[in-house]
Every structure is written in C-alpha cells, then in structure tokens.
Protein backbone atom coordinates (compact mmCIF):
# COMPACT_ATOMS: atom_id res chain seq x y z
CA MET A 1 122.85 51.59 74.72
CA ASN A 2 121.93 53.35 77.99
CA ARG A 3 124.83 53.01 80.42
CA VAL A 4 123.42 54.96 83.37
CA CYS A 5 121.23 53.77 86.21
CA SER A 6 118.03 55.44 87.38
CA ILE A 7 117.98 59.03 88.61
CA PHE A 8 116.91 57.81 92.07
CA SER A 9 119.96 55.55 92.20
CA GLN A 10 122.22 58.45 91.23
CA VAL A 11 120.68 60.60 93.98
CA LEU A 12 121.34 57.81 96.49
CA GLY A 13 124.91 57.68 95.18
CA LEU A 14 125.47 61.17 96.59
CA LEU A 15 125.25 59.71 100.10
CA ASN A 16 128.42 58.55 101.80
CA ARG A 17 127.81 54.81 101.99
CA THR A 18 130.98 54.17 104.00
CA ALA A 19 129.95 56.67 106.67
CA PHE A 20 126.48 55.13 106.70
CA GLU A 21 127.77 51.61 107.31
CA THR A 22 130.12 52.92 110.00
CA SER A 23 127.17 54.51 111.79
CA VAL A 24 125.15 51.29 111.48
CA ARG A 25 127.93 49.36 113.23
CA LYS A 26 128.37 52.12 115.84
CA HIS A 27 124.71 51.95 116.91
CA SER A 28 124.38 48.16 116.38
CA ALA A 29 121.39 48.94 114.19
CA GLU A 30 121.40 45.55 112.41
CA ARG A 31 121.94 43.46 115.51
CA HIS A 32 118.81 41.36 115.01
CA ALA A 33 118.28 42.04 111.32
CA ARG A 34 116.78 39.20 109.28
CA GLY A 35 117.55 40.24 105.76
CA PHE A 36 116.10 43.78 105.96
CA THR A 37 119.15 46.05 106.11
CA CYS A 38 119.39 49.65 107.31
CA TRP A 39 120.24 50.66 103.74
CA ALA A 40 116.93 49.16 102.59
CA GLN A 41 115.22 51.23 105.28
CA MET A 42 117.05 54.36 104.10
CA VAL A 43 116.03 53.75 100.47
CA SER A 44 112.42 53.15 101.50
CA MET A 45 112.13 56.28 103.64
CA LEU A 46 113.87 58.50 101.07
CA PHE A 47 111.44 57.12 98.48
CA CYS A 48 108.66 58.10 100.90
CA GLN A 49 109.97 61.68 100.95
CA LEU A 50 110.81 62.16 97.27
CA ALA A 51 107.79 60.28 95.90
CA ARG A 52 105.53 61.71 98.64
CA ALA A 53 104.08 58.34 99.59
CA HIS A 54 101.29 58.64 102.16
CA SER A 55 101.54 55.25 103.83
CA LEU A 56 103.77 52.24 104.32
CA ARG A 57 101.74 50.40 101.73
CA GLU A 58 102.36 53.13 99.13
CA ILE A 59 106.09 52.98 99.84
CA CYS A 60 106.32 49.21 99.48
CA GLN A 61 104.01 48.93 96.49
CA GLY A 62 105.69 51.89 94.78
CA LEU A 63 109.06 50.15 95.01
CA ALA A 64 107.57 46.77 94.09
CA ALA A 65 106.08 48.26 90.93
CA CYS A 66 109.62 49.09 89.78
CA GLU A 67 110.86 45.51 90.20
CA GLY A 68 113.80 44.83 87.95
CA LYS A 69 115.25 48.26 88.69
CA LEU A 70 115.80 47.77 92.43
CA LYS A 71 119.31 46.33 91.99
CA HIS A 72 120.45 49.84 91.12
CA LEU A 73 119.23 50.99 94.55
CA GLY A 74 121.09 48.31 96.49
CA LEU A 75 117.94 46.24 97.14
CA ASN A 76 117.41 42.61 96.25
CA ASP A 77 113.66 42.60 96.83
CA PRO A 78 111.01 45.23 97.50
CA PRO A 79 110.30 45.73 101.23
CA LYS A 80 107.27 44.23 102.95
CA VAL A 81 104.87 46.47 104.84
CA SER A 82 105.26 44.54 108.10
CA SER A 83 109.08 44.56 107.84
CA LEU A 84 109.28 48.29 107.19
CA ALA A 85 106.85 49.04 110.03
CA TYR A 86 108.91 46.88 112.41
CA VAL A 87 112.32 48.39 111.59
CA ASN A 88 110.95 51.95 111.77
CA ALA A 89 109.60 51.24 115.25
CA HIS A 90 112.67 49.42 116.62
CA ARG A 91 115.86 50.54 114.92
CA PRO A 92 117.86 53.52 116.26
CA TRP A 93 117.09 56.77 114.44
CA GLU A 94 120.56 58.08 115.31
CA VAL A 95 121.87 56.33 112.19
CA TYR A 96 119.98 58.83 110.01
CA ARG A 97 121.03 61.77 112.13
CA ASP A 98 124.67 60.76 111.58
CA GLN A 99 124.01 60.44 107.84
CA PHE A 100 122.57 63.96 107.81
CA TYR A 101 125.78 65.38 109.27
CA ALA A 102 127.98 63.27 106.98
CA LEU A 103 126.07 64.60 103.97
CA ARG A 104 126.29 68.13 105.41
CA GLU A 105 130.10 67.89 105.41
CA GLN A 106 130.07 66.81 101.75
CA CYS A 107 127.80 69.70 100.78
CA GLU A 108 129.87 72.21 102.73
CA GLN A 109 132.96 71.33 100.71
CA GLU A 110 131.16 72.10 97.43
CA ALA A 111 128.92 74.96 98.61
CA ARG A 112 129.29 78.29 96.90
CA PRO A 113 131.12 80.52 99.38
CA GLY A 114 129.71 83.87 100.33
CA HIS A 115 126.41 85.50 101.28
CA PRO A 116 124.69 88.60 99.83
CA PHE A 117 126.73 91.01 101.98
CA ARG A 118 130.15 92.57 101.54
CA PHE A 119 131.44 91.73 105.02
CA ARG A 120 133.40 88.47 105.34
CA ASN A 121 131.97 87.31 108.65
CA LYS A 122 130.13 84.02 108.74
CA LEU A 123 126.37 84.62 108.76
CA VAL A 124 124.03 82.06 110.34
CA SER A 125 120.36 82.05 111.38
CA LEU A 126 118.86 80.24 114.34
CA ASP A 127 115.21 79.26 114.69
CA SER A 128 112.83 76.39 115.41
CA THR A 129 109.53 75.06 114.11
CA THR A 130 106.89 72.97 115.83
CA ILE A 131 105.13 69.95 114.32
CA ALA A 132 101.77 69.31 115.97
CA LEU A 133 100.86 65.70 116.81
CA CYS A 134 97.69 64.05 118.02
CA VAL A 135 98.32 63.24 121.68
CA GLU A 136 96.03 60.18 121.56
CA MET A 137 98.17 58.57 118.84
CA PHE A 138 101.56 60.01 119.85
CA ASP A 139 101.27 59.83 123.63
CA TRP A 140 105.06 59.95 124.05
CA ALA A 141 105.08 63.50 122.57
CA ARG A 142 102.70 65.07 125.09
CA PHE A 143 103.25 68.83 124.99
CA GLN A 144 100.20 70.11 126.82
CA ARG A 145 97.28 68.31 128.44
CA THR A 146 95.49 67.82 125.11
CA LYS A 147 98.28 68.45 122.60
CA GLY A 148 101.37 66.69 121.36
CA ALA A 149 104.33 68.14 119.44
CA VAL A 150 107.92 67.73 118.36
CA LYS A 151 110.28 70.60 117.64
CA ILE A 152 112.99 71.00 115.00
CA HIS A 153 115.75 73.41 116.05
CA LEU A 154 117.86 74.48 113.08
CA GLN A 155 120.95 76.54 112.36
CA LEU A 156 121.07 77.74 108.75
CA ASP A 157 124.35 78.70 107.10
CA HIS A 158 123.78 81.53 104.61
CA ASP A 159 126.70 80.30 102.49
CA GLY A 160 124.58 78.22 100.14
CA TYR A 161 121.58 78.32 102.53
CA LEU A 162 122.34 74.83 103.81
CA PRO A 163 121.39 73.62 107.30
CA LYS A 164 124.45 73.47 109.50
CA PHE A 165 122.99 72.00 112.68
CA ALA A 166 119.69 70.38 113.62
CA VAL A 167 118.15 69.04 116.81
CA VAL A 168 114.79 67.29 117.07
CA SER A 169 113.28 67.54 120.55
CA ASP A 170 109.93 67.37 122.30
CA GLY A 171 107.68 70.41 122.24
CA LYS A 172 108.60 71.43 125.80
CA LYS A 173 112.26 72.18 125.14
CA HIS A 174 112.89 75.92 124.98
CA ASP A 175 114.81 77.41 122.07
CA VAL A 176 117.38 79.06 124.33
CA THR A 177 118.14 75.73 126.03
CA VAL A 178 119.26 74.29 122.68
CA ALA A 179 121.02 77.51 121.65
CA ARG A 180 123.17 77.52 124.79
CA GLY A 181 124.63 74.16 123.76
CA LEU A 182 125.84 75.44 120.39
CA HIS A 183 129.34 76.68 119.63
CA PHE A 184 130.00 79.58 117.24
CA GLU A 185 133.36 80.65 115.87
CA PRO A 186 134.52 84.15 116.89
CA GLY A 187 133.43 86.71 114.31
CA THR A 188 130.24 84.83 113.40
CA ILE A 189 127.11 86.97 112.99
CA LEU A 190 124.09 85.19 114.46
CA VAL A 191 120.60 86.42 113.56
CA MET A 192 117.55 85.25 115.55
CA ASP A 193 114.10 86.33 116.67
CA LYS A 194 112.80 87.39 120.10
CA GLY A 195 112.36 83.77 121.19
CA TYR A 196 116.10 83.67 121.98
CA THR A 197 116.04 86.52 124.49
CA ASP A 198 118.44 85.57 127.26
CA TYR A 199 120.62 88.41 128.51
CA GLY A 200 123.11 86.08 130.19
CA TRP A 201 123.60 84.13 126.96
CA TRP A 202 123.94 87.36 124.97
CA GLN A 203 126.69 88.43 127.35
CA GLU A 204 128.48 85.10 126.86
CA LEU A 205 128.30 85.52 123.07
CA ASP A 206 129.71 89.04 123.38
CA ARG A 207 132.63 87.81 125.48
CA GLN A 208 133.34 85.03 122.94
CA GLY A 209 133.54 87.54 120.08
CA VAL A 210 130.30 86.32 118.47
CA PHE A 211 128.03 89.03 117.04
CA PHE A 212 124.25 88.75 117.13
CA VAL A 213 121.30 90.61 115.64
CA THR A 214 117.85 90.20 117.15
CA ARG A 215 114.74 92.12 118.15
CA LEU A 216 114.28 93.82 121.51
CA ARG A 217 111.33 92.89 123.66
CA LYS A 218 108.94 95.66 124.71
CA ASP A 219 109.47 94.94 128.42
CA ALA A 220 113.28 95.22 128.19
CA LYS A 221 114.88 97.55 130.76
CA TYR A 222 117.76 99.66 129.51
CA GLU A 223 119.47 103.03 129.80
CA ASP A 224 119.93 105.26 126.76
CA GLY A 225 123.41 106.11 125.60
CA GLU A 226 124.98 108.13 122.80
CA ALA A 227 122.99 108.46 119.58
CA ARG A 228 124.56 107.97 116.16
CA GLU A 229 124.02 110.15 113.16
CA ILE A 230 121.92 108.60 110.39
CA PRO A 231 122.77 109.33 106.72
CA ALA A 232 120.14 111.48 105.02
CA ALA A 233 119.41 108.82 102.39
CA GLN A 234 118.44 106.30 105.12
CA ARG A 235 116.34 108.48 107.42
CA GLU A 236 113.05 107.50 105.81
CA ARG A 237 113.51 103.89 107.00
CA ILE A 238 116.11 104.11 109.81
CA ARG A 239 114.55 106.23 112.57
CA SER A 240 117.24 106.00 115.25
CA ASP A 241 120.57 104.34 116.06
CA GLN A 242 121.88 104.67 119.59
CA ALA A 243 123.84 102.87 122.28
CA ILE A 244 121.93 101.35 125.19
CA ARG A 245 122.92 99.52 128.35
CA LEU A 246 120.74 96.59 129.29
CA VAL A 247 120.13 96.54 133.04
CA GLY A 248 118.61 93.12 133.58
CA GLY A 249 118.84 91.29 136.87
CA ARG A 250 122.21 91.11 138.60
CA LYS A 251 122.21 87.33 138.26
CA GLN A 252 122.13 87.69 134.47
CA LEU A 253 124.34 90.67 133.65
CA GLY A 254 125.99 91.75 136.89
CA GLU A 255 126.58 95.35 137.86
CA GLU A 256 128.12 96.41 134.52
CA GLY A 257 125.14 95.41 132.38
CA LEU A 258 125.51 94.84 128.62
CA TRP A 259 126.16 97.60 126.08
CA LEU A 260 124.37 97.17 122.75
CA ARG A 261 123.13 99.17 119.78
CA LYS A 262 119.40 99.81 119.43
CA ILE A 263 118.20 100.47 115.88
CA VAL A 264 114.62 101.53 115.21
CA VAL A 265 113.31 100.76 111.71
CA LYS A 266 110.03 101.86 110.15
CA ASP A 267 108.70 99.59 107.40
CA GLU A 268 106.05 101.11 105.16
CA ASN A 269 104.26 97.73 104.99
CA HIS A 270 103.86 97.43 108.77
CA PRO A 271 102.16 99.86 111.16
CA GLU A 272 104.59 99.14 114.01
CA GLU A 273 108.27 99.98 114.21
CA PHE A 274 110.90 97.24 114.45
CA VAL A 275 113.45 97.59 117.24
CA PHE A 276 116.69 95.68 116.61
CA VAL A 277 119.61 95.21 118.99
CA THR A 278 123.13 94.09 118.15
CA ASN A 279 126.57 94.00 119.72
CA HIS A 280 128.22 94.83 116.38
CA ARG A 281 129.42 98.41 116.61
CA LYS A 282 130.83 98.97 113.11
CA LEU A 283 128.24 97.87 110.58
CA ALA A 284 125.84 100.51 109.26
CA ALA A 285 122.30 100.56 110.65
CA SER A 286 120.92 99.81 107.18
CA THR A 287 123.12 96.69 107.02
CA ILE A 288 121.80 95.51 110.40
CA ASP A 289 118.29 96.00 109.03
CA ARG A 290 119.12 93.89 105.94
CA ILE A 291 120.77 91.20 108.08
CA TYR A 292 117.58 90.72 110.08
CA ARG A 293 115.48 90.59 106.91
CA GLU A 294 117.88 87.89 105.64
CA ARG A 295 116.62 85.76 108.55
CA TRP A 296 113.57 85.06 106.38
CA GLN A 297 115.65 82.38 104.62
CA ILE A 298 115.31 80.05 107.59
CA GLU A 299 111.55 80.60 107.59
CA THR A 300 111.58 79.67 103.90
CA PHE A 301 113.51 76.50 104.76
CA PHE A 302 110.87 75.41 107.28
CA LYS A 303 108.07 76.29 104.87
CA SER A 304 109.64 74.16 102.12
CA LEU A 305 110.27 71.30 104.55
CA LYS A 306 106.63 71.16 105.63
CA GLN A 307 105.02 71.81 102.26
CA LEU A 308 107.20 69.73 99.95
CA LEU A 309 108.16 66.72 102.05
CA LYS A 310 106.35 64.14 104.15
CA ILE A 311 106.72 65.63 107.61
CA LYS A 312 103.30 66.85 108.80
CA THR A 313 101.79 63.35 108.75
CA PHE A 314 103.65 60.18 109.64
CA VAL A 315 103.67 56.55 108.51
CA GLY A 316 104.28 55.34 112.08
CA THR A 317 103.26 56.46 115.58
CA ASN A 318 106.24 55.10 117.52
CA GLU A 319 108.84 57.68 118.65
CA LYS A 320 111.64 56.00 116.68
CA ALA A 321 109.48 55.87 113.55
CA VAL A 322 108.68 59.59 113.81
CA MET A 323 112.31 60.55 114.43
CA THR A 324 113.46 58.39 111.50
CA GLN A 325 110.96 60.07 109.18
CA ILE A 326 111.97 63.57 110.32
CA TRP A 327 115.70 62.93 109.87
CA THR A 328 115.20 61.36 106.42
CA ALA A 329 113.12 64.44 105.49
CA LEU A 330 116.06 66.64 106.54
CA ILE A 331 118.39 64.45 104.43
CA ALA A 332 116.04 64.77 101.46
CA MET A 333 115.86 68.57 101.84
CA LEU A 334 119.64 68.78 102.04
CA LEU A 335 119.93 66.70 98.85
CA LEU A 336 117.39 68.89 97.03
CA ARG A 337 119.14 72.11 98.00
CA TRP A 338 122.50 70.65 97.00
CA LEU A 339 121.16 69.58 93.59
CA LYS A 340 119.53 72.98 93.09
CA GLN A 341 122.83 74.70 93.89
CA ARG A 342 124.85 72.54 91.48
CA ALA A 343 122.40 72.82 88.58
CA ARG A 344 122.89 75.43 85.85
CA TYR A 345 119.16 75.55 85.20
CA GLY A 346 117.21 78.06 87.32
CA TRP A 347 115.17 75.62 89.41
CA SER A 348 112.76 76.57 92.13
CA LEU A 349 112.79 74.00 94.93
CA SER A 350 109.14 73.03 94.44
CA ASN A 351 109.57 72.63 90.67
CA LEU A 352 112.72 70.57 91.10
CA LEU A 353 110.99 68.14 93.46
CA ALA A 354 107.87 67.92 91.29
CA LEU A 355 109.83 66.95 88.18
CA LEU A 356 112.27 64.76 90.10
CA ARG A 357 109.31 62.83 91.49
CA GLN A 358 108.23 62.02 87.93
CA GLN A 359 111.75 61.05 86.83
CA LEU A 360 112.88 58.90 89.76
CA PHE A 361 113.11 55.66 87.76
CA VAL A 362 114.07 57.17 84.42
CA HIS A 363 117.54 56.13 83.21
CA ARG A 364 119.25 59.43 82.39
CA PRO A 365 122.43 61.15 83.61
CA LEU A 366 121.36 63.09 86.71
CA PHE A 367 123.41 66.25 86.26
CA ALA A 368 122.76 66.46 82.51
CA TRP A 369 119.05 66.34 83.33
CA LEU A 370 119.45 68.97 86.06
CA ASP A 371 121.24 71.35 83.69
CA ASP A 372 118.78 70.89 80.80
CA PRO A 373 115.65 69.01 81.93
CA PHE A 374 113.54 69.55 78.80
CA VAL A 375 115.96 68.08 76.27
CA GLY A 376 115.41 64.43 75.45
CA PRO A 377 118.12 61.79 75.66
CA PRO A 378 120.51 61.61 72.68
CA GLU A 379 119.60 59.48 69.70
CA PRO A 380 121.19 56.01 69.70
CA PRO A 381 124.12 55.62 67.29
CA PRO A 382 123.24 54.23 63.84
CA ASP A 383 123.47 50.54 63.26
CA LYS A 384 126.90 49.74 61.85
CA GLN A 385 126.03 46.17 60.90
CA LEU A 386 127.12 45.58 57.29
CA THR A 387 124.66 44.04 54.85
CA LEU A 388 125.61 41.05 52.81
CA GLY A 389 124.96 41.24 49.09
CA LEU A 390 123.23 37.92 48.38
CA ILE A 391 122.41 36.83 44.83
C-alpha cells in the first residue's frame, strides 16, 4: 500500500507553514477572504511556476484535473479563475516575500558550507536583472516614455549558490541605491560589475572591513602607486598588479582619496583587457581574477529564473499580481536549488524541473526519487491471505 502523498505535496511540505500563517495575520491578507485562503493562492501560483502554466485558466483546470488528490495540498476544492484573478490583484504580495526569507533561513541551515576557494571569507555576488513589460498593459511600471519594466536586485551567497537577499523594484531604481541599503559582515568579499561604481560607497565598505572586487571604468581618475611582482607562471594572463589612489570628487572621497589594487587581466577569448580593482591587499592577483569570474554564477541564476520559470509573461496585469508571481518564482527557484543540493543524483537544474513537472502528482517518496529517479517504486508485498482447503 502506498503511504506517501504526491511529490507536489511533499515539495509544499518543505515550506514553513507556521511562518506563512504568521505572515498572513501580520499583513491581514485574509481580512475579506470568502473561502479562498492565502495558502490556496500559494499552491496555485507555485503550481503555475512548476507546471509552467501559461494562464489562470491553465492553473485552475490543471488543479481541477487532479481532483481527489487536492486534499494532500491543503485544498478542499480547485480554485476558480475569477477567484484566483481577484486575490492576485488585491492581496498583499508581502506575504510571499516573507515566505521567501523564511525558506531562505531553512535552506541556509542545511546548505553545504564553503565555496570553491581556500580563503574562509564569505563570498557574495550582487547584481540585478530587468524584466521588460508592455507599458500599455502595465502602466504602473512605466520606465521610459514607451517602455515598462520591473527590476530584481539579488545578492547571491556562494555557499550553496542560494539567494541571500532580493528586492523587486521599478525599472528606474538604480542598482547602487539598493546596494547602499544592504549590510555586509566585516570580512565579506563582495563581487559586482561596473554598474555599482560609487566611490563614496566603496570607501564606506572599506571602512567597515568589507572587501570588494569589481571592474574599473575607463573614465576613472587615479594616481599610480607601487607595482607588485607577478609570478612567472601567471604573466601570460595577469599583465599588471599595482596600487592606485582614486582621486574622485572631494564630496565623494575627500582629500585622502581611496587606495586600491588595480589588476589588468588579458583573456585569450576577448580582444580587450579586463581591469579589476579591489581593496583586498593580500590575495594573489590570480585569485582576484578567479573571484570575478565566479560572479558568473549570479548571471546563471538570472538565466535559469527567466528560462525555466514563469516570469517573462504574467497571468495578471495588476502590480500586486505581478509582484506575487515574481516572489513565488523566487520561492520556486529556491526550492529547486535546495532539492538539487540535497539530491545524490547529478541533476542539472533544467532537467530536474522538467522531470519534476511530469511527476508532480505521482505518489512516491520525494527524496528517494531525487536520489534515484529512474528506478520504479518497490513491488507490493505478496498476498499473505491463507487459502482454505475446501473439499
């Protein structure tokens, strides 16, 4: 006899239901609810992401087609299209943002510690991605005169490659504006691109004991300092390593300026040289080069988010509906990365989601399936009913 519920139900069981209900009460999200709970909305929107439903009708009919199995999901009845459209447009999306951070804390406790470097400093990446919207349909997200957009600002922890912090804003909000509101523990190494060039903020990070690695803009003004010797084995790629003093405006850096290291790297696959700057004075130049290349992991995260989940097109045009769909997509991505990390089988993220989509309502143990997905369920035990010898 099968004693496990569906795989989708087991995935939902990874969420902290107590924290979810606490957030619902905090934001009074069910103040005027008439039978359609916030949990039903969460199940519906996660089904949208994992099953890649393209409309509200596909979500509702997809769940209705599995009637008889919905009790395992915490639903009494399949949602109606009008009900789901209404709650997406009117209920606070902050409930799903809180659930993202609650799930992030759970994942952090079980994440595999360490990154692919020998130093023990915390390594995080910072970047953002823009989602284009039609300004005629999403007039609240006007970015330019004829364009609309929302922006996802993300901080990726390289211990397990799990998102540590996320902010969803309009397209006008600058990356540095969000970055200035973040707090980093002393000793953290922060890697970012040229979009975060702000000399005053760099100086604040340096004073707080936070290290950063980024690229130097071509129009940067600086004074050359002492050059460092480069090991012979690295000279083919590392062209120079020297101290520089940034001399930006007095309002940004003051009279003393900001002392940094400038490292010039030549990549055989690119015609131009890369110029990195960092305030870390002990790590080798080759390690700084590898740290910046490790920043590609956050680009991979955004690529997976857009290609694998339902985030480039939306099932609602209201601001709350869009924000709800984005935050449930981030929850789904966090769940997928957590499952991939816990599995013994060598999943790729796209393959995991593709097979999970086919197995959502199959009744099998989730982690046994993750570890060995191509082995069928065990044979049922033989019938022990005794036969009666009748004459």
